[in-house]
Amino acid sequence: MSKVTSIDFIFGHHASIAALQGDQAINKVWLQTGLNPALAQQVRKLAKKRQLIVQQVPKSKLDELSDGGNHQGVLLSLAAFEYAQLDDLFAKAAQRHEDPFFLILDEIEDPHNLGSILRTADAAGVHGVIIPKRRAVQLTATVAKTSTGAIEHVPVVRVGNLVNLVDDLKKRGLWIFGTDMAGQDYRQWDATGAVALVIGNEGKGISPLLKKKMDGMLTIPMVGHVQSLNASVATSLLVYQGYNSRHPL
């Protein structure tokens, strides 16, 4: 289960190298453009060994992230919470004697959306949430605050490739549903059995390659002038339809 840490960043040459060589939960490595090649190579080598994302940025960015600290061109952003493994989600479902019900978030970028989604997931009994490592918000202090404690109870798994993940889930017996304007009315969705629901990016929706992997598409009817909903609001409607079909009156 997730555990909170009290530090958001580590910066400076020696402190960063020590953290990379240890078991500190790290989200991302930031390197200053034009950093000493030997130091940059050392950091990249350690990051690669731990399969961490490395981003090269101007000095001004590191000045901002470190709040003017002596970062020496290297900064690590830390995981505010530890991530679960995919098997943990299956274990949670088995512990409750329920079929798996997972949420897959495709490049959700707003930490407030992620926090709200975790809150809904906890309330509706979702067994876990899966997010990508790249181009998406990770578990941060803002996410934790917005979730109002749900982050402590909903396992979050981070994977490198959502398309491969969906293939794996299908092999393990799950049906995968996404959202689309031309999909089935979500009020008719029967979410009984082992299912996963994919929620797309706030602006772009589900990525094309991932959309091709869906077993079914769902749509939320709208009659107003605005033909889209906030990602966390849409997730709440869909998740509770899933809950209703899985827990009939």
Protein backbone atom coordinates (compact mmCIF):
# COMPACT_ATOMS: atom_id res chain seq x y z
CA MET A 1 0.00 0.00 0.00
CA SER A 2 1.10 3.59 -0.51
CA LYS A 3 3.33 5.28 2.05
CA VAL A 4 3.81 9.02 2.27
CA THR A 5 7.27 10.58 2.32
CA SER A 6 8.09 14.05 3.58
CA ILE A 7 10.51 15.21 0.87
CA ASP A 8 9.55 16.29 -2.65
CA PHE A 9 13.03 16.87 -4.12
CA ILE A 10 16.67 15.92 -3.67
CA PHE A 11 19.25 18.10 -5.39
CA GLY A 12 22.99 18.56 -5.58
CA HIS A 13 25.66 16.27 -6.99
CA HIS A 14 26.51 14.09 -4.00
CA ALA A 15 23.00 13.86 -2.54
CA SER A 16 21.52 12.91 -5.92
CA ILE A 17 24.13 10.26 -6.65
CA ALA A 18 23.62 8.73 -3.18
CA ALA A 19 19.84 8.62 -3.69
CA LEU A 20 20.20 7.01 -7.11
CA GLN A 21 22.51 4.37 -5.65
CA GLY A 22 20.08 3.67 -2.79
CA ASP A 23 16.46 2.56 -2.68
CA GLN A 24 14.77 5.97 -2.44
CA ALA A 25 11.51 6.06 -4.44
CA ILE A 26 12.29 8.44 -7.32
CA ASN A 27 9.90 9.69 -9.99
CA LYS A 28 12.18 11.57 -12.34
CA VAL A 29 15.73 12.83 -12.86
CA TRP A 30 16.34 16.42 -13.99
CA LEU A 31 19.67 17.41 -15.56
CA GLN A 32 20.79 20.92 -16.42
CA THR A 33 21.56 21.62 -20.07
CA GLY A 34 25.32 21.85 -20.55
CA LEU A 35 26.11 19.91 -17.37
CA ASN A 36 29.64 18.53 -17.02
CA PRO A 37 29.65 15.49 -19.38
CA ALA A 38 31.25 13.15 -16.84
CA LEU A 39 28.67 13.97 -14.19
CA ALA A 40 25.81 13.79 -16.67
CA GLN A 41 27.01 10.38 -17.86
CA GLN A 42 27.25 9.09 -14.29
CA VAL A 43 23.73 10.24 -13.47
CA ARG A 44 22.28 8.85 -16.71
CA LYS A 45 23.95 5.49 -16.12
CA LEU A 46 22.46 5.18 -12.63
CA ALA A 47 19.05 6.36 -13.85
CA LYS A 48 19.05 3.84 -16.69
CA LYS A 49 19.86 1.04 -14.26
CA ARG A 50 16.73 1.97 -12.29
CA GLN A 51 14.66 2.61 -15.45
CA LEU A 52 14.06 6.24 -14.49
CA ILE A 53 13.04 9.05 -16.82
CA VAL A 54 15.75 11.68 -17.37
CA GLN A 55 14.77 15.17 -18.56
CA GLN A 56 17.26 17.83 -19.65
CA VAL A 57 16.19 21.37 -18.74
CA PRO A 58 17.71 24.88 -18.50
CA LYS A 59 19.26 26.06 -15.23
CA SER A 60 16.26 28.33 -14.60
CA LYS A 61 13.98 25.31 -14.29
CA LEU A 62 16.19 23.67 -11.67
CA ASP A 63 16.45 27.01 -9.84
CA GLU A 64 12.66 27.07 -9.70
CA LEU A 65 12.24 23.44 -8.60
CA SER A 66 14.92 23.74 -5.90
CA ASP A 67 13.60 27.13 -4.74
CA GLY A 68 16.97 28.71 -5.42
CA GLY A 69 18.96 25.91 -3.79
CA ASN A 70 22.47 24.82 -4.79
CA HIS A 71 21.35 22.06 -7.18
CA GLN A 72 24.69 21.83 -9.08
CA GLY A 73 22.78 20.89 -12.22
CA VAL A 74 21.13 17.74 -10.81
CA LEU A 75 17.73 17.33 -9.18
CA LEU A 76 15.56 14.31 -8.39
CA SER A 77 11.80 14.56 -7.98
CA LEU A 78 10.67 11.98 -5.49
CA ALA A 79 7.58 9.83 -5.38
CA ALA A 80 5.26 11.31 -2.79
CA PHE A 81 3.85 7.80 -2.48
CA GLU A 82 5.14 4.36 -3.32
CA TYR A 83 3.54 2.52 -6.23
CA ALA A 84 1.90 -0.89 -6.16
CA GLN A 85 2.46 -3.83 -8.50
CA LEU A 86 -0.19 -5.15 -10.89
CA ASP A 87 -0.51 -8.36 -8.89
CA ASP A 88 -1.43 -6.25 -5.84
CA LEU A 89 -4.61 -5.16 -7.64
CA PHE A 90 -5.60 -8.74 -8.41
CA ALA A 91 -4.83 -9.70 -4.82
CA LYS A 92 -7.09 -6.93 -3.50
CA ALA A 93 -9.98 -8.16 -5.67
CA ALA A 94 -9.40 -11.75 -4.54
CA GLN A 95 -9.31 -10.65 -0.90
CA ARG A 96 -12.77 -9.14 -1.32
CA HIS A 97 -14.01 -12.20 -3.23
CA GLU A 98 -14.84 -9.95 -6.20
CA ASP A 99 -14.05 -9.90 -9.90
CA PRO A 100 -11.38 -7.31 -10.72
CA PHE A 101 -12.53 -3.75 -11.47
CA PHE A 102 -9.61 -1.52 -12.50
CA LEU A 103 -9.24 2.03 -13.79
CA ILE A 104 -6.64 2.80 -16.48
CA LEU A 105 -5.80 6.49 -16.92
CA ASP A 106 -4.33 7.41 -20.30
CA GLU A 107 -2.14 10.51 -19.83
CA ILE A 108 -4.24 12.35 -17.24
CA GLU A 109 -2.24 15.55 -16.66
CA ASP A 110 -4.09 17.48 -13.94
CA PRO A 111 -3.18 16.41 -10.38
CA HIS A 112 -6.59 17.58 -9.14
CA ASN A 113 -8.28 15.24 -11.63
CA LEU A 114 -6.13 12.32 -10.50
CA GLY A 115 -6.83 13.06 -6.84
CA SER A 116 -10.57 13.26 -7.47
CA ILE A 117 -10.50 10.04 -9.49
CA LEU A 118 -8.74 8.24 -6.63
CA ARG A 119 -11.43 9.52 -4.26
CA THR A 120 -14.18 8.15 -6.50
CA ALA A 121 -12.31 4.87 -6.99
CA ASP A 122 -12.11 4.36 -3.24
CA ALA A 123 -15.77 5.21 -2.71
CA ALA A 124 -16.97 2.85 -5.45
CA GLY A 125 -14.75 -0.09 -4.53
CA VAL A 126 -12.41 0.01 -7.53
CA HIS A 127 -9.54 -2.37 -6.83
CA GLY A 128 -6.81 -0.18 -8.26
CA VAL A 129 -5.71 2.50 -10.71
CA ILE A 130 -3.08 2.17 -13.44
CA ILE A 131 -1.19 5.15 -14.88
CA PRO A 132 1.63 5.51 -17.44
CA LYS A 133 5.14 6.55 -16.42
CA ARG A 134 5.38 9.22 -19.12
CA ARG A 135 3.31 12.22 -20.18
CA ALA A 136 1.00 11.94 -17.17
CA VAL A 137 0.74 13.28 -13.64
CA GLN A 138 2.27 11.03 -11.00
CA LEU A 139 1.48 10.65 -7.30
CA THR A 140 2.30 14.05 -5.82
CA ALA A 141 1.42 15.99 -2.69
CA THR A 142 -1.32 17.82 -4.63
CA VAL A 143 -2.82 14.52 -5.75
CA ALA A 144 -2.71 13.25 -2.17
CA LYS A 145 -4.41 16.37 -0.81
CA THR A 146 -7.15 16.31 -3.47
CA SER A 147 -7.82 12.62 -2.82
CA THR A 148 -8.66 13.44 0.84
CA GLY A 149 -6.96 10.26 2.04
CA ALA A 150 -8.09 7.91 -0.72
CA ILE A 151 -4.50 7.64 -1.96
CA GLU A 152 -3.77 5.55 1.15
CA HIS A 153 -6.41 2.98 0.21
CA VAL A 154 -6.38 2.71 -3.60
CA PRO A 155 -3.31 0.95 -5.03
CA VAL A 156 -1.76 2.83 -7.96
CA VAL A 157 0.36 0.95 -10.50
CA ARG A 158 2.73 2.75 -12.89
CA VAL A 159 3.60 1.06 -16.21
CA GLY A 160 5.75 1.92 -19.21
CA ASN A 161 3.28 0.99 -21.95
CA LEU A 162 -0.51 0.95 -21.60
CA VAL A 163 -1.03 -0.98 -24.85
CA ASN A 164 1.12 -3.84 -23.54
CA LEU A 165 -0.66 -3.60 -20.19
CA VAL A 166 -4.07 -4.04 -21.85
CA ASP A 167 -2.79 -7.08 -23.75
CA ASP A 168 -1.65 -8.54 -20.43
CA LEU A 169 -4.98 -7.82 -18.74
CA LYS A 170 -6.88 -9.47 -21.58
CA LYS A 171 -4.76 -12.59 -21.19
CA ARG A 172 -5.75 -12.57 -17.53
CA GLY A 173 -9.43 -12.50 -18.40
CA LEU A 174 -10.40 -8.83 -18.25
CA TRP A 175 -12.71 -7.01 -20.66
CA ILE A 176 -11.49 -3.50 -21.47
CA PHE A 177 -13.86 -0.56 -21.97
CA GLY A 178 -13.09 2.97 -23.13
CA THR A 179 -14.98 6.18 -23.81
CA ASP A 180 -15.96 7.62 -27.19
CA MET A 181 -18.62 9.97 -28.57
CA ALA A 182 -19.95 7.11 -30.72
CA GLY A 183 -20.00 4.49 -27.98
CA GLN A 184 -22.79 2.67 -26.17
CA ASP A 185 -24.85 4.75 -23.72
CA TYR A 186 -22.99 4.32 -20.43
CA ARG A 187 -26.30 3.73 -18.60
CA GLN A 188 -26.57 0.41 -20.44
CA TRP A 189 -23.07 -0.74 -19.46
CA ASP A 190 -22.95 -4.09 -17.72
CA ALA A 191 -19.68 -4.08 -15.78
CA THR A 192 -20.12 -7.48 -14.17
CA GLY A 193 -17.19 -9.85 -14.46
CA ALA A 194 -13.53 -8.84 -14.66
CA VAL A 195 -13.31 -5.39 -16.27
CA ALA A 196 -11.07 -2.37 -16.68
CA LEU A 197 -12.25 1.10 -17.66
CA VAL A 198 -9.92 3.39 -19.64
CA ILE A 199 -10.20 7.16 -19.14
CA GLY A 200 -8.50 9.30 -21.76
CA ASN A 201 -6.48 12.50 -21.59
CA GLU A 202 -8.38 15.67 -20.67
CA GLY A 203 -8.05 17.11 -24.18
CA LYS A 204 -7.09 14.32 -26.58
CA GLY A 205 -9.06 11.42 -25.14
CA ILE A 206 -7.75 7.87 -25.46
CA SER A 207 -4.69 7.52 -27.68
CA PRO A 208 -5.40 5.86 -31.08
CA LEU A 209 -3.28 2.73 -30.51
CA LEU A 210 -4.86 2.11 -27.13
CA LYS A 211 -8.37 2.74 -28.46
CA LYS A 212 -7.92 -0.11 -30.95
CA LYS A 213 -7.50 -2.49 -28.01
CA MET A 214 -10.90 -1.72 -26.46
CA ASP A 215 -13.56 -4.44 -26.24
CA GLY A 216 -16.30 -1.84 -26.01
CA MET A 217 -16.79 1.93 -26.02
CA LEU A 218 -19.06 3.97 -23.74
CA THR A 219 -20.49 7.44 -24.18
CA ILE A 220 -22.15 9.90 -21.81
CA PRO A 221 -25.14 11.58 -23.50
CA MET A 222 -25.03 15.40 -23.37
CA VAL A 223 -27.68 17.85 -24.55
CA GLY A 224 -26.06 21.13 -23.57
CA HIS A 225 -23.76 23.43 -25.52
CA VAL A 226 -20.59 21.98 -23.97
CA GLN A 227 -20.02 18.51 -25.38
CA SER A 228 -17.41 17.30 -22.91
CA LEU A 229 -17.06 16.79 -19.18
CA ASN A 230 -14.17 17.22 -16.81
CA ALA A 231 -12.20 13.95 -16.70
CA SER A 232 -12.87 13.32 -13.01
CA VAL A 233 -16.60 14.05 -13.41
CA ALA A 234 -16.89 11.69 -16.39
CA THR A 235 -14.97 9.04 -14.46
CA SER A 236 -17.38 9.35 -11.52
CA LEU A 237 -20.42 8.77 -13.73
CA LEU A 238 -18.87 5.76 -15.46
CA VAL A 239 -17.45 4.20 -12.31
CA TYR A 240 -20.78 4.43 -10.51
CA GLN A 241 -22.57 2.86 -13.44
CA GLY A 242 -20.04 0.06 -13.07
CA TYR A 243 -20.80 -0.08 -9.35
CA ASN A 244 -24.56 -0.16 -9.95
CA SER A 245 -24.34 -3.04 -12.40
CA ARG A 246 -22.01 -4.99 -10.11
CA HIS A 247 -24.13 -4.31 -6.97
CA PRO A 248 -27.80 -4.30 -8.08
CA LEU A 249 -30.46 -3.31 -5.55
